[in-house]
Every structure is written in structure tokens, then in C-alpha cells.
PDB file of N, CA and C in Angstrom:
ATOM      1  N   MET A   1      -9.043 -12.474  11.508  1.00  0.00           N
ATOM      2  CA  MET A   1      -7.766 -12.158  10.919  1.00  0.00           C
ATOM      3  C   MET A   1      -7.010 -11.232  11.860  1.00  0.00           C
ATOM      4  N   ALA A   2      -5.711 -11.425  11.953  1.00  0.00           N
ATOM      5  CA  ALA A   2      -4.843 -10.568  12.756  1.00  0.00           C
ATOM      6  C   ALA A   2      -3.791  -9.944  11.852  1.00  0.00           C
ATOM      7  N   VAL A   3      -3.403  -8.725  12.163  1.00  0.00           N
ATOM      8  CA  VAL A   3      -2.377  -8.028  11.396  1.00  0.00           C
ATOM      9  C   VAL A   3      -1.332  -7.500  12.366  1.00  0.00           C
ATOM     10  N   ASP A   4      -0.076  -7.866  12.137  1.00  0.00           N
ATOM     11  CA  ASP A   4       1.040  -7.333  12.913  1.00  0.00           C
ATOM     12  C   ASP A   4       1.798  -6.351  12.036  1.00  0.00           C
ATOM     13  N   ILE A   5       2.039  -5.163  12.554  1.00  0.00           N
ATOM     14  CA  ILE A   5       2.791  -4.136  11.839  1.00  0.00           C
ATOM     15  C   ILE A   5       3.999  -3.780  12.694  1.00  0.00           C
ATOM     16  N   TRP A   6       5.181  -3.791  12.091  1.00  0.00           N
ATOM     17  CA  TRP A   6       6.378  -3.361  12.804  1.00  0.00           C
ATOM     18  C   TRP A   6       7.099  -2.345  11.941  1.00  0.00           C
ATOM     19  N   GLN A   7       7.823  -1.461  12.600  1.00  0.00           N
ATOM     20  CA  GLN A   7       8.608  -0.486  11.864  1.00  0.00           C
ATOM     21  C   GLN A   7       9.772   0.000  12.715  1.00  0.00           C
ATOM     22  N   GLN A   8      10.847   0.334  12.043  1.00  0.00           N
ATOM     23  CA  GLN A   8      12.015   0.911  12.696  1.00  0.00           C
ATOM     24  C   GLN A   8      11.612   2.296  13.189  1.00  0.00           C
ATOM     25  N   THR A   9      11.860   2.611  14.457  1.00  0.00           N
ATOM     26  CA  THR A   9      11.473   3.908  15.010  1.00  0.00           C
ATOM     27  C   THR A   9      12.689   4.631  15.574  1.00  0.00           C
ATOM     28  N   GLY A  10      12.486   5.804  16.065  1.00  0.00           N
ATOM     29  CA  GLY A  10      13.561   6.591  16.658  1.00  0.00           C
ATOM     30  C   GLY A  10      13.831   7.840  15.846  1.00  0.00           C
ATOM     31  N   THR A  11      14.935   8.522  16.152  1.00  0.00           N
ATOM     32  CA  THR A  11      15.235   9.770  15.450  1.00  0.00           C
ATOM     33  C   THR A  11      15.489   9.551  13.963  1.00  0.00           C
ATOM     34  N   GLU A  12      15.914   8.372  13.586  1.00  0.00           N
ATOM     35  CA  GLU A  12      16.109   8.063  12.171  1.00  0.00           C
ATOM     36  C   GLU A  12      15.243   6.880  11.774  1.00  0.00           C
ATOM     37  N   GLY A  13      13.987   6.928  12.137  1.00  0.00           N
ATOM     38  CA  GLY A  13      13.072   5.843  11.803  1.00  0.00           C
ATOM     39  C   GLY A  13      11.674   6.353  11.541  1.00  0.00           C
ATOM     40  N   TYR A  14      10.794   5.416  11.237  1.00  0.00           N
ATOM     41  CA  TYR A  14       9.382   5.735  11.063  1.00  0.00           C
ATOM     42  C   TYR A  14       8.759   5.893  12.447  1.00  0.00           C
ATOM     43  N   ASN A  15       8.147   7.003  12.722  1.00  0.00           N
ATOM     44  CA  ASN A  15       7.493   7.197  14.009  1.00  0.00           C
ATOM     45  C   ASN A  15       5.985   7.314  13.875  1.00  0.00           C
ATOM     46  N   PHE A  16       5.487   7.209  12.667  1.00  0.00           N
ATOM     47  CA  PHE A  16       4.059   7.313  12.405  1.00  0.00           C
ATOM     48  C   PHE A  16       3.693   6.312  11.323  1.00  0.00           C
ATOM     49  N   PHE A  17       2.430   5.958  11.256  1.00  0.00           N
ATOM     50  CA  PHE A  17       1.923   5.252  10.086  1.00  0.00           C
ATOM     51  C   PHE A  17       0.468   5.632   9.893  1.00  0.00           C
ATOM     52  N   GLN A  18       0.021   5.507   8.655  1.00  0.00           N
ATOM     53  CA  GLN A  18      -1.350   5.833   8.309  1.00  0.00           C
ATOM     54  C   GLN A  18      -2.065   4.566   7.877  1.00  0.00           C
ATOM     55  N   VAL A  19      -3.301   4.428   8.271  1.00  0.00           N
ATOM     56  CA  VAL A  19      -4.157   3.342   7.804  1.00  0.00           C
ATOM     57  C   VAL A  19      -5.302   4.001   7.052  1.00  0.00           C
ATOM     58  N   LEU A  20      -5.394   3.711   5.767  1.00  0.00           N
ATOM     59  CA  LEU A  20      -6.358   4.382   4.905  1.00  0.00           C
ATOM     60  C   LEU A  20      -7.315   3.369   4.290  1.00  0.00           C
ATOM     61  N   PRO A  21      -8.619   3.547   4.455  1.00  0.00           N
ATOM     62  CA  PRO A  21      -9.566   2.670   3.760  1.00  0.00           C
ATOM     63  C   PRO A  21      -9.587   3.034   2.278  1.00  0.00           C
ATOM     64  N   LEU A  22      -9.636   2.034   1.422  1.00  0.00           N
ATOM     65  CA  LEU A  22      -9.726   2.296  -0.007  1.00  0.00           C
ATOM     66  C   LEU A  22     -11.175   2.550  -0.392  1.00  0.00           C
ATOM     67  N   TYR A  23     -11.385   3.049  -1.596  1.00  0.00           N
ATOM     68  CA  TYR A  23     -12.712   3.512  -2.008  1.00  0.00           C
ATOM     69  C   TYR A  23     -13.792   2.447  -1.907  1.00  0.00           C
ATOM     70  N   ASN A  24     -13.452   1.179  -2.132  1.00  0.00           N
ATOM     71  CA  ASN A  24     -14.475   0.128  -2.108  1.00  0.00           C
ATOM     72  C   ASN A  24     -14.710  -0.434  -0.710  1.00  0.00           C
ATOM     73  N   ARG A  25     -13.936   0.020   0.271  1.00  0.00           N
ATOM     74  CA  ARG A  25     -14.072  -0.379   1.681  1.00  0.00           C
ATOM     75  C   ARG A  25     -13.796  -1.858   1.933  1.00  0.00           C
ATOM     76  N   ASN A  26     -13.308  -2.592   0.929  1.00  0.00           N
ATOM     77  CA  ASN A  26     -12.957  -3.998   1.123  1.00  0.00           C
ATOM     78  C   ASN A  26     -11.474  -4.179   1.425  1.00  0.00           C
ATOM     79  N   ASN A  27     -10.704  -3.119   1.284  1.00  0.00           N
ATOM     80  CA  ASN A  27      -9.261  -3.177   1.475  1.00  0.00           C
ATOM     81  C   ASN A  27      -8.813  -1.970   2.284  1.00  0.00           C
ATOM     82  N   ILE A  28      -7.616  -2.054   2.807  1.00  0.00           N
ATOM     83  CA  ILE A  28      -7.006  -0.898   3.445  1.00  0.00           C
ATOM     84  C   ILE A  28      -5.581  -0.755   2.939  1.00  0.00           C
ATOM     85  N   ALA A  29      -5.061   0.442   3.039  1.00  0.00           N
ATOM     86  CA  ALA A  29      -3.660   0.707   2.730  1.00  0.00           C
ATOM     87  C   ALA A  29      -2.968   1.090   4.030  1.00  0.00           C
ATOM     88  N   VAL A  30      -1.796   0.528   4.269  1.00  0.00           N
ATOM     89  CA  VAL A  30      -1.004   0.858   5.448  1.00  0.00           C
ATOM     90  C   VAL A  30       0.278   1.503   4.949  1.00  0.00           C
ATOM     91  N   GLU A  31       0.537   2.713   5.398  1.00  0.00           N
ATOM     92  CA  GLU A  31       1.692   3.462   4.911  1.00  0.00           C
ATOM     93  C   GLU A  31       2.527   3.973   6.085  1.00  0.00           C
ATOM     94  N   PRO A  32       3.748   3.453   6.252  1.00  0.00           N
ATOM     95  CA  PRO A  32       4.618   4.021   7.276  1.00  0.00           C
ATOM     96  C   PRO A  32       5.112   5.383   6.803  1.00  0.00           C
ATOM     97  N   VAL A  33       5.186   6.339   7.706  1.00  0.00           N
ATOM     98  CA  VAL A  33       5.658   7.671   7.343  1.00  0.00           C
ATOM     99  C   VAL A  33       6.661   8.161   8.382  1.00  0.00           C
ATOM    100  N   LYS A  34       7.583   8.967   7.954  1.00  0.00           N
ATOM    101  CA  LYS A  34       8.652   9.482   8.806  1.00  0.00           C
ATOM    102  C   LYS A  34       8.200  10.659   9.655  1.00  0.00           C
ATOM    103  N   CYS A  35       7.232  11.427   9.175  1.00  0.00           N
ATOM    104  CA  CYS A  35       6.862  12.659   9.863  1.00  0.00           C
ATOM    105  C   CYS A  35       5.349  12.749  10.038  1.00  0.00           C
ATOM    106  N   SER A  36       4.943  13.714  10.858  1.00  0.00           N
ATOM    107  CA  SER A  36       3.518  13.911  11.104  1.00  0.00           C
ATOM    108  C   SER A  36       2.892  14.702   9.959  1.00  0.00           C
ATOM    109  N   VAL A  37       1.580  14.805   9.983  1.00  0.00           N
ATOM    110  CA  VAL A  37       0.898  15.640   8.997  1.00  0.00           C
ATOM    111  C   VAL A  37       1.304  17.092   9.222  1.00  0.00           C
ATOM    112  N   ASN A  38       1.259  17.893   8.165  1.00  0.00           N
ATOM    113  CA  ASN A  38       1.573  19.320   8.239  1.00  0.00           C
ATOM    114  C   ASN A  38       3.023  19.563   8.673  1.00  0.00           C
ATOM    115  N   VAL A  39       3.921  18.669   8.290  1.00  0.00           N
ATOM    116  CA  VAL A  39       5.315  18.730   8.757  1.00  0.00           C
ATOM    117  C   VAL A  39       6.037  19.998   8.310  1.00  0.00           C
ATOM    118  N   PHE A  40       5.639  20.583   7.205  1.00  0.00           N
ATOM    119  CA  PHE A  40       6.326  21.795   6.761  1.00  0.00           C
ATOM    120  C   PHE A  40       6.033  22.979   7.680  1.00  0.00           C
ATOM    121  N   ASN A  41       4.941  22.913   8.412  1.00  0.00           N
ATOM    122  CA  ASN A  41       4.603  23.978   9.357  1.00  0.00           C
ATOM    123  C   ASN A  41       4.996  23.649  10.792  1.00  0.00           C
ATOM    124  N   ASN A  42       4.851  22.383  11.209  1.00  0.00           N
ATOM    125  CA  ASN A  42       5.160  22.064  12.608  1.00  0.00           C
ATOM    126  C   ASN A  42       6.523  21.385  12.787  1.00  0.00           C
ATOM    127  N   GLU A  43       7.141  20.918  11.711  1.00  0.00           N
ATOM    128  CA  GLU A  43       8.469  20.291  11.697  1.00  0.00           C
ATOM    129  C   GLU A  43       8.593  19.070  12.605  1.00  0.00           C
ATOM    130  N   PHE A  44       7.479  18.467  13.014  1.00  0.00           N
ATOM    131  CA  PHE A  44       7.515  17.301  13.891  1.00  0.00           C
ATOM    132  C   PHE A  44       7.866  16.066  13.075  1.00  0.00           C
ATOM    133  N   GLY A  45       9.102  15.602  13.197  1.00  0.00           N
ATOM    134  CA  GLY A  45       9.577  14.449  12.443  1.00  0.00           C
ATOM    135  C   GLY A  45      10.299  14.811  11.163  1.00  0.00           C
ATOM    136  N   LEU A  46      10.428  16.090  10.859  1.00  0.00           N
ATOM    137  CA  LEU A  46      11.070  16.540   9.627  1.00  0.00           C
ATOM    138  C   LEU A  46      12.571  16.267   9.672  1.00  0.00           C
ATOM    139  N   ILE A  47      13.098  15.718   8.599  1.00  0.00           N
ATOM    140  CA  ILE A  47      14.545  15.579   8.439  1.00  0.00           C
ATOM    141  C   ILE A  47      14.921  16.177   7.093  1.00  0.00           C
ATOM    142  N   THR A  48      16.151  16.599   6.968  1.00  0.00           N
ATOM    143  CA  THR A  48      16.654  17.155   5.716  1.00  0.00           C
ATOM    144  C   THR A  48      17.853  16.326   5.291  1.00  0.00           C
ATOM    145  N   LEU A  49      17.815  15.841   4.059  1.00  0.00           N
ATOM    146  CA  LEU A  49      18.927  15.059   3.525  1.00  0.00           C
ATOM    147  C   LEU A  49      19.728  15.917   2.562  1.00  0.00           C
ATOM    148  N   ALA A  50      21.033  15.777   2.602  1.00  0.00           N
ATOM    149  CA  ALA A  50      21.899  16.451   1.647  1.00  0.00           C
ATOM    150  C   ALA A  50      21.703  15.815   0.272  1.00  0.00           C
ATOM    151  N   PRO A  51      21.995  16.547  -0.801  1.00  0.00           N
ATOM    152  CA  PRO A  51      21.871  15.967  -2.142  1.00  0.00           C
ATOM    153  C   PRO A  51      22.667  14.667  -2.256  1.00  0.00           C
ATOM    154  N   GLY A  52      22.034  13.628  -2.749  1.00  0.00           N
ATOM    155  CA  GLY A  52      22.668  12.326  -2.914  1.00  0.00           C
ATOM    156  C   GLY A  52      22.681  11.460  -1.667  1.00  0.00           C
ATOM    157  N   ALA A  53      22.267  12.007  -0.528  1.00  0.00           N
ATOM    158  CA  ALA A  53      22.246  11.234   0.719  1.00  0.00           C
ATOM    159  C   ALA A  53      21.081  10.252   0.713  1.00  0.00           C
ATOM    160  N   MET A  54      21.190   9.214   1.514  1.00  0.00           N
ATOM    161  CA  MET A  54      20.134   8.209   1.607  1.00  0.00           C
ATOM    162  C   MET A  54      19.701   8.027   3.052  1.00  0.00           C
ATOM    163  N   LEU A  55      18.462   7.645   3.224  1.00  0.00           N
ATOM    164  CA  LEU A  55      17.939   7.255   4.527  1.00  0.00           C
ATOM    165  C   LEU A  55      17.272   5.910   4.322  1.00  0.00           C
ATOM    166  N   CYS A  56      17.776   4.893   4.978  1.00  0.00           N
ATOM    167  CA  CYS A  56      17.265   3.535   4.806  1.00  0.00           C
ATOM    168  C   CYS A  56      16.451   3.154   6.035  1.00  0.00           C
ATOM    169  N   LEU A  57      15.177   2.867   5.849  1.00  0.00           N
ATOM    170  CA  LEU A  57      14.278   2.502   6.940  1.00  0.00           C
ATOM    171  C   LEU A  57      13.649   1.151   6.644  1.00  0.00           C
ATOM    172  N   ALA A  58      13.140   0.497   7.665  1.00  0.00           N
ATOM    173  CA  ALA A  58      12.539  -0.824   7.488  1.00  0.00           C
ATOM    174  C   ALA A  58      11.177  -0.881   8.161  1.00  0.00           C
ATOM    175  N   PHE A  59      10.261  -1.610   7.519  1.00  0.00           N
ATOM    176  CA  PHE A  59       8.963  -1.883   8.123  1.00  0.00           C
ATOM    177  C   PHE A  59       8.448  -3.197   7.574  1.00  0.00           C
ATOM    178  N   GLY A  60       7.444  -3.751   8.208  1.00  0.00           N
ATOM    179  CA  GLY A  60       6.857  -4.996   7.734  1.00  0.00           C
ATOM    180  C   GLY A  60       5.421  -5.136   8.183  1.00  0.00           C
ATOM    181  N   ILE A  61       4.705  -5.950   7.454  1.00  0.00           N
ATOM    182  CA  ILE A  61       3.303  -6.250   7.747  1.00  0.00           C
ATOM    183  C   ILE A  61       3.132  -7.755   7.645  1.00  0.00           C
ATOM    184  N   GLU A  62       2.469  -8.333   8.608  1.00  0.00           N
ATOM    185  CA  GLU A  62       2.168  -9.759   8.555  1.00  0.00           C
ATOM    186  C   GLU A  62       0.709  -9.960   8.931  1.00  0.00           C
ATOM    187  N   ALA A  63      -0.044 -10.587   8.038  1.00  0.00           N
ATOM    188  CA  ALA A  63      -1.450 -10.890   8.298  1.00  0.00           C
ATOM    189  C   ALA A  63      -1.595 -12.391   8.494  1.00  0.00           C
ATOM    190  N   SER A  64      -2.449 -12.786   9.407  1.00  0.00           N
ATOM    191  CA  SER A  64      -2.671 -14.210   9.629  1.00  0.00           C
ATOM    192  C   SER A  64      -4.136 -14.459   9.949  1.00  0.00           C
ATOM    193  N   ASN A  65      -4.581 -15.634   9.574  1.00  0.00           N
ATOM    194  CA  ASN A  65      -5.948 -16.069   9.848  1.00  0.00           C
ATOM    195  C   ASN A  65      -5.863 -17.543  10.204  1.00  0.00           C
ATOM    196  N   LYS A  66      -6.069 -17.883  11.436  1.00  0.00           N
ATOM    197  CA  LYS A  66      -5.894 -19.260  11.892  1.00  0.00           C
ATOM    198  C   LYS A  66      -6.996 -20.193  11.421  1.00  0.00           C
ATOM    199  N   PHE A  67      -8.070 -19.641  10.871  1.00  0.00           N
ATOM    200  CA  PHE A  67      -9.194 -20.485  10.472  1.00  0.00           C
ATOM    201  C   PHE A  67      -9.061 -21.040   9.061  1.00  0.00           C
ATOM    202  N   SER A  68      -8.594 -20.221   8.104  1.00  0.00           N
ATOM    203  CA  SER A  68      -8.580 -20.725   6.733  1.00  0.00           C
ATOM    204  C   SER A  68      -7.321 -20.391   5.948  1.00  0.00           C
ATOM    205  N   MET A  69      -6.405 -19.631   6.519  1.00  0.00           N
ATOM    206  CA  MET A  69      -5.198 -19.259   5.795  1.00  0.00           C
ATOM    207  C   MET A  69      -3.969 -19.666   6.594  1.00  0.00           C
ATOM    208  N   PRO A  70      -2.826 -19.791   5.928  1.00  0.00           N
ATOM    209  CA  PRO A  70      -1.592 -20.062   6.662  1.00  0.00           C
ATOM    210  C   PRO A  70      -1.303 -18.935   7.651  1.00  0.00           C
ATOM    211  N   ASP A  71      -0.538 -19.242   8.694  1.00  0.00           N
ATOM    212  CA  ASP A  71      -0.215 -18.228   9.697  1.00  0.00           C
ATOM    213  C   ASP A  71       0.511 -17.024   9.103  1.00  0.00           C
ATOM    214  N   SER A  72       1.349 -17.246   8.122  1.00  0.00           N
ATOM    215  CA  SER A  72       2.056 -16.125   7.491  1.00  0.00           C
ATOM    216  C   SER A  72       1.557 -15.965   6.068  1.00  0.00           C
ATOM    217  N   LEU A  73       0.511 -15.192   5.912  1.00  0.00           N
ATOM    218  CA  LEU A  73      -0.048 -14.953   4.581  1.00  0.00           C
ATOM    219  C   LEU A  73       0.737 -13.877   3.854  1.00  0.00           C
ATOM    220  N   ILE A  74       1.071 -12.820   4.546  1.00  0.00           N
ATOM    221  CA  ILE A  74       1.765 -11.695   3.937  1.00  0.00           C
ATOM    222  C   ILE A  74       2.980 -11.368   4.790  1.00  0.00           C
ATOM    223  N   ASN A  75       4.115 -11.185   4.156  1.00  0.00           N
ATOM    224  CA  ASN A  75       5.298 -10.736   4.882  1.00  0.00           C
ATOM    225  C   ASN A  75       6.073  -9.811   3.958  1.00  0.00           C
ATOM    226  N   LEU A  76       5.928  -8.517   4.150  1.00  0.00           N
ATOM    227  CA  LEU A  76       6.553  -7.523   3.284  1.00  0.00           C
ATOM    228  C   LEU A  76       7.652  -6.797   4.043  1.00  0.00           C
ATOM    229  N   GLN A  77       8.787  -6.611   3.401  1.00  0.00           N
ATOM    230  CA  GLN A  77       9.847  -5.789   3.968  1.00  0.00           C
ATOM    231  C   GLN A  77      10.307  -4.831   2.887  1.00  0.00           C
ATOM    232  N   THR A  78      10.465  -3.577   3.242  1.00  0.00           N
ATOM    233  CA  THR A  78      10.766  -2.561   2.241  1.00  0.00           C
ATOM    234  C   THR A  78      12.207  -2.091   2.246  1.00  0.00           C
ATOM    235  N   ASN A  79      13.085  -2.764   2.928  1.00  0.00           N
ATOM    236  CA  ASN A  79      14.459  -2.270   3.001  1.00  0.00           C
ATOM    237  C   ASN A  79      15.359  -2.875   1.932  1.00  0.00           C
ATOM    238  N   LYS A  80      14.820  -3.340   0.825  1.00  0.00           N
ATOM    239  CA  LYS A  80      15.609  -4.007  -0.201  1.00  0.00           C
ATOM    240  C   LYS A  80      16.328  -3.028  -1.124  1.00  0.00           C
ATOM    241  N   LYS A  81      15.930  -1.753  -1.180  1.00  0.00           N
ATOM    242  CA  LYS A  81      16.514  -0.809  -2.116  1.00  0.00           C
ATOM    243  C   LYS A  81      17.427   0.195  -1.418  1.00  0.00           C
ATOM    244  N   CYS A  82      17.965  -0.148  -0.279  1.00  0.00           N
ATOM    245  CA  CYS A  82      18.758   0.803   0.501  1.00  0.00           C
ATOM    246  C   CYS A  82      20.052   1.206  -0.183  1.00  0.00           C
ATOM    247  N   ASN A  83      20.584   0.391  -1.071  1.00  0.00           N
ATOM    248  CA  ASN A  83      21.856   0.708  -1.702  1.00  0.00           C
ATOM    249  C   ASN A  83      21.691   1.388  -3.054  1.00  0.00           C
ATOM    250  N   GLU A  84      20.469   1.632  -3.473  1.00  0.00           N
ATOM    251  CA  GLU A  84      20.241   2.285  -4.753  1.00  0.00           C
ATOM    252  C   GLU A  84      20.265   3.797  -4.572  1.00  0.00           C
ATOM    253  N   PRO A  85      20.768   4.545  -5.574  1.00  0.00           N
ATOM    254  CA  PRO A  85      20.810   6.007  -5.451  1.00  0.00           C
ATOM    255  C   PRO A  85      19.406   6.606  -5.445  1.00  0.00           C
ATOM    256  N   ILE A  86      19.295   7.786  -4.872  1.00  0.00           N
ATOM    257  CA  ILE A  86      18.018   8.501  -4.833  1.00  0.00           C
ATOM    258  C   ILE A  86      17.771   9.150  -6.180  1.00  0.00           C
ATOM    259  N   ASP A  87      16.569   9.013  -6.719  1.00  0.00           N
ATOM    260  CA  ASP A  87      16.183   9.702  -7.951  1.00  0.00           C
ATOM    261  C   ASP A  87      15.778  11.130  -7.610  1.00  0.00           C
ATOM    262  N   HIS A  88      16.274  12.072  -8.373  1.00  0.00           N
ATOM    263  CA  HIS A  88      15.905  13.478  -8.130  1.00  0.00           C
ATOM    264  C   HIS A  88      15.011  13.961  -9.235  1.00  0.00           C
TER     265      HIS A  88
END
């Protein structure tokens, strides 16, 4: 199986991602993140949004297995809610 991960990067993008094994070790979670760990202390990747402001970012994951699954098994994009207001 192959997994392709893409994400919008740069000063207003995702510059990090985390890969976390789940408790049963049969699955993983992939989470794009804007900042590094301990961001409140090191400020690496920290951004501040004004009240009501939005930051719209995009990422995707595609898994494929040429032996028994279609080439595009999973295709997720998270930029569908960019026009919705931020919940406070």
C-alpha cells in the first residue's frame, strides 16, 4: 500500500503534520497542523487571528494498493468549510 499526503505550506499554510498510531495498532491517524509542538513557548508557526477572521488551508490524503484495491481508495480534502464562520 502507498500513501500520498499533500498539504498547503508556507507562511499561511500547514508546515507540519503528525502521524499517530491508534490504540489497536491496526490504524493510524494523520493530522496536518499549522504549528510545532510547544508553540505557546517557542512560537514556531504560531499565528494570531482577529475575532471573526478565518484561515483557510487545504490538505489531502490518497492511499492506493495496486494488488487488490483501486488506485484511488481514499481522497480527502478539508477545504470545504472555508466560507463558514468560526465558532467561538
